Every structure is written in C-alpha cells, then in structure tokens.
Amino acid sequence: MLMNKMTVRTFTGPEAVGIIGSIFRARRDLSLLVKRQVIKGMGVSLEEADLLYDLYGAAKLGWQDPKAIKAGWVTFGALQDSLVHARELLTRRLGDLVASGYVEIAPVGKEEARELGIDAKSKKARNLPKGEEKAKEIHDRYCKVCLQVINKLPAEVQQHAENVHKFNLAIINELRWGI
C-alpha cells in the first residue's frame, strides 16, 4: 500500500514573523477599508459597527464566534473574546449603542448562568430592530466590498483563498486554545 507523505516546510523565524505579521498589516488595511467603504455615512464608529455586526452574526447568521445563547442574546464575555476593536471599551460602546436605540442589555439569569458555566453577575446584549437593520446594512456592504477586493486579485492568488481561510482559522484556534 502506497502512502502519500505530506512534506511539511520548515520556516525560519523571520519567515514566520513575515507570515503572521502580514495578518496584522492586512487587519490594519481592512480596518481602513471598512471605515472608508462600509461604515462611512452610517453614523456609527468602527467599534460600534464591530459590536452590531458581531451581535447580528451570532443571532442571524449562526456564527460560533461569538455564539448566541437564547433569543439572539450574546454574553458580554463572548463579545469581549470575539471583538477585534477596543475590547477594553466593550461596556462603554454597548452603553453608547443602548443610548442610540440599537442594542439592549440584560443580566444573565442565575439559572442561565449556571447552565452556561459563567458568573451569575454576567450580562448579555442583543440588537434591537433598529440595530439589526443597521447591522444588516453593515453586513451587506461588507459582503460587497470583500467580494470586490477578492475579485480584483489575480486568479492564481484567488485559487489559494480557501487555504488562506483554513490557515487563518488554524491560527485562531492555536492562539485561543493551544497556547
């Protein structure tokens, strides 16, 4: 029986830094893209858009990160773990979204907290209809802009998109749960 052996490439430290570092540079440039082409004129900051979109993705798109609990609610802990922008300002940003009528916040019930294995003093948030509408608009614009970016790439680069996605997910899993 013949077995295919997958050759694993050995990277140097600088090569590994270049690969991982490119993710940070792409994130920086994607943040600018989102500011300029996705949320421009929407009346929300990048951090607020990030929160609205995470709540929408969890509740309406079935995302696992962050994962919704009952009725589209997402715990503050799950939001904080998921956010890309200004994790330390989660409560303030959610307060701003509450004041704008986009989001509602509630305490996690004692029984629900016990079922989830989280602190009984935890809170949760979800989009209100106005927030859901805004998040859907963010989602639709973001899909359009991302598709435009990918379609502008050379065909030979586009062919690697699925592997890049798998690589990025592997990095996320390693950083969150492997280290």
C-alpha atoms as a PDB file:
ATOM      1  CA  MET A   1       0.000   0.000   0.000  1.00  0.00           C
ATOM      2  CA  LEU A   2       1.442   3.357  -1.034  1.00  0.00           C
ATOM      3  CA  MET A   3       1.091   6.257   1.338  1.00  0.00           C
ATOM      4  CA  ASN A   4       1.440   9.862   0.370  1.00  0.00           C
ATOM      5  CA  LYS A   5       3.653  11.732   2.741  1.00  0.00           C
ATOM      6  CA  MET A   6       2.889  15.375   3.108  1.00  0.00           C
ATOM      7  CA  THR A   7       6.063  17.382   3.176  1.00  0.00           C
ATOM      8  CA  VAL A   8       5.993  19.999   5.903  1.00  0.00           C
ATOM      9  CA  ARG A   9       8.024  23.068   5.106  1.00  0.00           C
ATOM     10  CA  THR A  10      10.306  24.348   7.837  1.00  0.00           C
ATOM     11  CA  PHE A  11      10.186  28.110   8.237  1.00  0.00           C
ATOM     12  CA  THR A  12      12.825  30.398   9.638  1.00  0.00           C
ATOM     13  CA  GLY A  13      11.913  32.810  12.435  1.00  0.00           C
ATOM     14  CA  PRO A  14      11.885  35.827  10.109  1.00  0.00           C
ATOM     15  CA  GLU A  15       9.710  33.946   7.592  1.00  0.00           C
ATOM     16  CA  ALA A  16       7.223  33.021  10.324  1.00  0.00           C
ATOM     17  CA  VAL A  17       7.171  36.645  11.527  1.00  0.00           C
ATOM     18  CA  GLY A  18       6.563  37.796   7.957  1.00  0.00           C
ATOM     19  CA  ILE A  19       3.617  35.432   7.547  1.00  0.00           C
ATOM     20  CA  ILE A  20       1.987  36.129  10.905  1.00  0.00           C
ATOM     21  CA  GLY A  21       2.865  39.829  10.741  1.00  0.00           C
ATOM     22  CA  SER A  22       1.133  40.104   7.375  1.00  0.00           C
ATOM     23  CA  ILE A  23      -2.122  39.237   9.145  1.00  0.00           C
ATOM     24  CA  PHE A  24      -1.705  42.329  11.349  1.00  0.00           C
ATOM     25  CA  ARG A  25      -0.926  44.509   8.350  1.00  0.00           C
ATOM     26  CA  ALA A  26      -3.925  43.137   6.470  1.00  0.00           C
ATOM     27  CA  ARG A  27      -6.098  43.794   9.526  1.00  0.00           C
ATOM     28  CA  ARG A  28      -4.864  47.390   9.660  1.00  0.00           C
ATOM     29  CA  ASP A  29      -5.659  47.904   5.990  1.00  0.00           C
ATOM     30  CA  LEU A  30      -9.017  46.123   6.309  1.00  0.00           C
ATOM     31  CA  SER A  31      -9.942  48.469   9.151  1.00  0.00           C
ATOM     32  CA  LEU A  32      -9.311  51.422   6.837  1.00  0.00           C
ATOM     33  CA  LEU A  33     -11.348  49.738   4.102  1.00  0.00           C
ATOM     34  CA  VAL A  34     -14.249  49.201   6.498  1.00  0.00           C
ATOM     35  CA  LYS A  35     -14.094  52.820   7.690  1.00  0.00           C
ATOM     36  CA  ARG A  36     -13.964  54.222   4.163  1.00  0.00           C
ATOM     37  CA  GLN A  37     -16.273  51.903   2.261  1.00  0.00           C
ATOM     38  CA  VAL A  38     -18.514  50.036   4.675  1.00  0.00           C
ATOM     39  CA  ILE A  39     -19.491  52.311   7.568  1.00  0.00           C
ATOM     40  CA  LYS A  40     -18.875  55.728   6.022  1.00  0.00           C
ATOM     41  CA  GLY A  41     -22.001  57.826   6.476  1.00  0.00           C
ATOM     42  CA  MET A  42     -23.728  55.239   8.666  1.00  0.00           C
ATOM     43  CA  GLY A  43     -23.425  57.208  11.904  1.00  0.00           C
ATOM     44  CA  VAL A  44     -21.560  54.508  13.840  1.00  0.00           C
ATOM     45  CA  SER A  45     -17.916  54.176  14.786  1.00  0.00           C
ATOM     46  CA  LEU A  46     -15.770  51.235  13.745  1.00  0.00           C
ATOM     47  CA  GLU A  47     -16.026  49.816  17.259  1.00  0.00           C
ATOM     48  CA  GLU A  48     -19.811  50.188  17.331  1.00  0.00           C
ATOM     49  CA  ALA A  49     -20.107  48.609  13.879  1.00  0.00           C
ATOM     50  CA  ASP A  50     -17.943  45.719  15.113  1.00  0.00           C
ATOM     51  CA  LEU A  51     -20.342  45.127  18.018  1.00  0.00           C
ATOM     52  CA  LEU A  52     -23.518  45.436  15.953  1.00  0.00           C
ATOM     53  CA  TYR A  53     -22.105  43.065  13.369  1.00  0.00           C
ATOM     54  CA  ASP A  54     -20.986  40.504  15.963  1.00  0.00           C
ATOM     55  CA  LEU A  55     -24.442  40.541  17.552  1.00  0.00           C
ATOM     56  CA  TYR A  56     -26.052  40.188  14.118  1.00  0.00           C
ATOM     57  CA  GLY A  57     -23.705  37.399  13.063  1.00  0.00           C
ATOM     58  CA  ALA A  58     -24.372  35.465  16.252  1.00  0.00           C
ATOM     59  CA  ALA A  59     -28.150  35.901  16.185  1.00  0.00           C
ATOM     60  CA  LYS A  60     -28.966  35.886  12.477  1.00  0.00           C
ATOM     61  CA  LEU A  61     -26.072  34.164  10.714  1.00  0.00           C
ATOM     62  CA  GLY A  62     -25.417  31.379  13.217  1.00  0.00           C
ATOM     63  CA  TRP A  63     -21.835  32.376  13.934  1.00  0.00           C
ATOM     64  CA  GLN A  64     -19.989  30.327  16.511  1.00  0.00           C
ATOM     65  CA  ASP A  65     -17.720  33.273  17.388  1.00  0.00           C
ATOM     66  CA  PRO A  66     -19.436  34.902  19.127  1.00  0.00           C
ATOM     67  CA  LYS A  67     -22.109  32.345  19.773  1.00  0.00           C
ATOM     68  CA  ALA A  68     -25.644  33.430  20.579  1.00  0.00           C
ATOM     69  CA  ILE A  69     -27.470  31.983  23.528  1.00  0.00           C
ATOM     70  CA  LYS A  70     -31.280  32.029  23.714  1.00  0.00           C
ATOM     71  CA  ALA A  71     -33.258  34.537  21.609  1.00  0.00           C
ATOM     72  CA  GLY A  72     -30.221  36.126  19.960  1.00  0.00           C
ATOM     73  CA  TRP A  73     -28.549  37.219  23.176  1.00  0.00           C
ATOM     74  CA  VAL A  74     -24.748  37.175  23.390  1.00  0.00           C
ATOM     75  CA  THR A  75     -22.903  37.281  26.704  1.00  0.00           C
ATOM     76  CA  PHE A  76     -20.505  40.122  27.363  1.00  0.00           C
ATOM     77  CA  GLY A  77     -17.746  37.530  27.781  1.00  0.00           C
ATOM     78  CA  ALA A  78     -18.385  36.057  24.338  1.00  0.00           C
ATOM     79  CA  LEU A  79     -18.470  39.540  22.813  1.00  0.00           C
ATOM     80  CA  GLN A  80     -15.244  40.546  24.504  1.00  0.00           C
ATOM     81  CA  ASP A  81     -13.495  37.403  23.271  1.00  0.00           C
ATOM     82  CA  SER A  82     -14.741  37.993  19.739  1.00  0.00           C
ATOM     83  CA  LEU A  83     -14.194  41.709  19.247  1.00  0.00           C
ATOM     84  CA  VAL A  84     -11.434  42.971  17.029  1.00  0.00           C
ATOM     85  CA  HIS A  85     -11.593  46.607  18.115  1.00  0.00           C
ATOM     86  CA  ALA A  86     -11.312  48.115  21.613  1.00  0.00           C
ATOM     87  CA  ARG A  87     -12.145  45.103  23.790  1.00  0.00           C
ATOM     88  CA  GLU A  88     -11.441  47.142  26.890  1.00  0.00           C
ATOM     89  CA  LEU A  89     -14.219  49.577  25.921  1.00  0.00           C
ATOM     90  CA  LEU A  90     -16.948  46.951  25.499  1.00  0.00           C
ATOM     91  CA  THR A  91     -19.229  48.265  28.241  1.00  0.00           C
ATOM     92  CA  ARG A  92     -18.866  51.881  27.111  1.00  0.00           C
ATOM     93  CA  ARG A  93     -19.522  51.009  23.448  1.00  0.00           C
ATOM     94  CA  LEU A  94     -22.556  48.922  24.372  1.00  0.00           C
ATOM     95  CA  GLY A  95     -23.808  51.818  26.513  1.00  0.00           C
ATOM     96  CA  ASP A  96     -23.499  54.142  23.508  1.00  0.00           C
ATOM     97  CA  LEU A  97     -25.424  51.637  21.358  1.00  0.00           C
ATOM     98  CA  VAL A  98     -28.125  51.346  24.045  1.00  0.00           C
ATOM     99  CA  ALA A  99     -28.426  55.159  24.165  1.00  0.00           C
ATOM    100  CA  SER A 100     -28.809  55.209  20.354  1.00  0.00           C
ATOM    101  CA  GLY A 101     -31.577  52.606  20.477  1.00  0.00           C
ATOM    102  CA  TYR A 102     -29.564  49.917  18.655  1.00  0.00           C
ATOM    103  CA  VAL A 103     -28.940  47.404  21.444  1.00  0.00           C
ATOM    104  CA  GLU A 104     -30.465  46.190  24.672  1.00  0.00           C
ATOM    105  CA  ILE A 105     -28.615  44.804  27.675  1.00  0.00           C
ATOM    106  CA  ALA A 106     -29.920  42.475  30.371  1.00  0.00           C
ATOM    107  CA  PRO A 107     -28.457  40.467  33.221  1.00  0.00           C
ATOM    108  CA  VAL A 108     -27.936  36.770  32.588  1.00  0.00           C
ATOM    109  CA  GLY A 109     -30.376  34.899  34.838  1.00  0.00           C
ATOM    110  CA  LYS A 110     -28.954  32.755  37.623  1.00  0.00           C
ATOM    111  CA  GLU A 111     -30.212  29.509  36.089  1.00  0.00           C
ATOM    112  CA  GLU A 112     -28.981  30.503  32.628  1.00  0.00           C
ATOM    113  CA  ALA A 113     -25.586  31.472  34.069  1.00  0.00           C
ATOM    114  CA  ARG A 114     -25.352  28.103  35.787  1.00  0.00           C
ATOM    115  CA  GLU A 115     -26.231  26.298  32.506  1.00  0.00           C
ATOM    116  CA  LEU A 116     -23.591  28.316  30.633  1.00  0.00           C
ATOM    117  CA  GLY A 117     -20.987  27.905  33.350  1.00  0.00           C
ATOM    118  CA  ILE A 118     -20.485  31.653  33.735  1.00  0.00           C
ATOM    119  CA  ASP A 119     -20.636  34.109  36.622  1.00  0.00           C
ATOM    120  CA  ALA A 120     -24.169  34.836  37.841  1.00  0.00           C
ATOM    121  CA  LYS A 121     -23.407  38.569  37.628  1.00  0.00           C
ATOM    122  CA  SER A 122     -22.799  38.338  33.868  1.00  0.00           C
ATOM    123  CA  LYS A 123     -24.663  40.452  31.344  1.00  0.00           C
ATOM    124  CA  LYS A 124     -25.829  39.861  27.819  1.00  0.00           C
ATOM    125  CA  ALA A 125     -26.705  42.026  24.833  1.00  0.00           C
ATOM    126  CA  ARG A 126     -28.668  41.773  21.616  1.00  0.00           C
ATOM    127  CA  ASN A 127     -29.621  44.020  18.742  1.00  0.00           C
ATOM    128  CA  LEU A 128     -32.953  45.792  18.828  1.00  0.00           C
ATOM    129  CA  PRO A 129     -34.800  46.072  15.479  1.00  0.00           C
ATOM    130  CA  LYS A 130     -33.030  49.375  14.705  1.00  0.00           C
ATOM    131  CA  GLY A 131     -29.660  47.767  15.496  1.00  0.00           C
ATOM    132  CA  GLU A 132     -30.491  44.695  13.464  1.00  0.00           C
ATOM    133  CA  GLU A 133     -31.348  46.888  10.482  1.00  0.00           C
ATOM    134  CA  LYS A 134     -28.065  48.789  10.834  1.00  0.00           C
ATOM    135  CA  ALA A 135     -26.112  45.549  11.255  1.00  0.00           C
ATOM    136  CA  LYS A 136     -27.746  44.062   8.149  1.00  0.00           C
ATOM    137  CA  GLU A 137     -26.682  47.127   6.192  1.00  0.00           C
ATOM    138  CA  ILE A 138     -23.128  46.720   7.530  1.00  0.00           C
ATOM    139  CA  HIS A 139     -23.222  43.050   6.576  1.00  0.00           C
ATOM    140  CA  ASP A 140     -24.476  43.736   3.057  1.00  0.00           C
ATOM    141  CA  ARG A 141     -21.918  46.486   2.447  1.00  0.00           C
ATOM    142  CA  TYR A 142     -19.120  44.379   3.914  1.00  0.00           C
ATOM    143  CA  CYS A 143     -20.013  41.421   1.683  1.00  0.00           C
ATOM    144  CA  LYS A 144     -19.987  43.688  -1.369  1.00  0.00           C
ATOM    145  CA  VAL A 145     -16.646  45.296  -0.503  1.00  0.00           C
ATOM    146  CA  CYS A 146     -14.965  41.966   0.339  1.00  0.00           C
ATOM    147  CA  LEU A 147     -16.194  40.459  -2.909  1.00  0.00           C
ATOM    148  CA  GLN A 148     -14.785  43.440  -4.823  1.00  0.00           C
ATOM    149  CA  VAL A 149     -11.400  43.028  -3.125  1.00  0.00           C
ATOM    150  CA  ILE A 150     -11.221  39.288  -3.824  1.00  0.00           C
ATOM    151  CA  ASN A 151     -12.355  39.714  -7.418  1.00  0.00           C
ATOM    152  CA  LYS A 152      -9.553  42.237  -8.045  1.00  0.00           C
ATOM    153  CA  LEU A 153      -6.887  39.719  -7.027  1.00  0.00           C
ATOM    154  CA  PRO A 154      -5.052  37.732  -9.696  1.00  0.00           C
ATOM    155  CA  ALA A 155      -6.626  34.345 -10.473  1.00  0.00           C
ATOM    156  CA  GLU A 156      -3.598  32.432  -9.152  1.00  0.00           C
ATOM    157  CA  VAL A 157      -3.963  34.220  -5.800  1.00  0.00           C
ATOM    158  CA  GLN A 158      -7.734  33.674  -5.686  1.00  0.00           C
ATOM    159  CA  GLN A 159      -7.099  29.943  -6.029  1.00  0.00           C
ATOM    160  CA  HIS A 160      -5.440  29.978  -2.605  1.00  0.00           C
ATOM    161  CA  ALA A 161      -8.299  31.772  -0.835  1.00  0.00           C
ATOM    162  CA  GLU A 162      -9.735  28.627   0.755  1.00  0.00           C
ATOM    163  CA  ASN A 163      -6.313  27.588   2.064  1.00  0.00           C
ATOM    164  CA  VAL A 164      -5.737  31.081   3.457  1.00  0.00           C
ATOM    165  CA  HIS A 165      -9.080  30.824   5.232  1.00  0.00           C
ATOM    166  CA  LYS A 166      -8.140  27.422   6.690  1.00  0.00           C
ATOM    167  CA  PHE A 167      -4.736  28.794   7.731  1.00  0.00           C
ATOM    168  CA  ASN A 168      -6.298  31.790   9.487  1.00  0.00           C
ATOM    169  CA  LEU A 169      -8.790  29.576  11.324  1.00  0.00           C
ATOM    170  CA  ALA A 170      -5.942  27.288  12.408  1.00  0.00           C
ATOM    171  CA  ILE A 171      -4.018  30.309  13.739  1.00  0.00           C
ATOM    172  CA  ILE A 172      -7.111  31.482  15.640  1.00  0.00           C
ATOM    173  CA  ASN A 173      -7.616  28.036  17.164  1.00  0.00           C
ATOM    174  CA  GLU A 174      -3.971  27.751  18.154  1.00  0.00           C
ATOM    175  CA  LEU A 175      -3.859  31.201  19.726  1.00  0.00           C
ATOM    176  CA  ARG A 176      -7.152  30.832  21.587  1.00  0.00           C
ATOM    177  CA  TRP A 177      -6.904  27.277  22.805  1.00  0.00           C
ATOM    178  CA  GLY A 178      -3.450  25.938  22.026  1.00  0.00           C
ATOM    179  CA  ILE A 179      -1.213  28.336  23.884  1.00  0.00           C
END
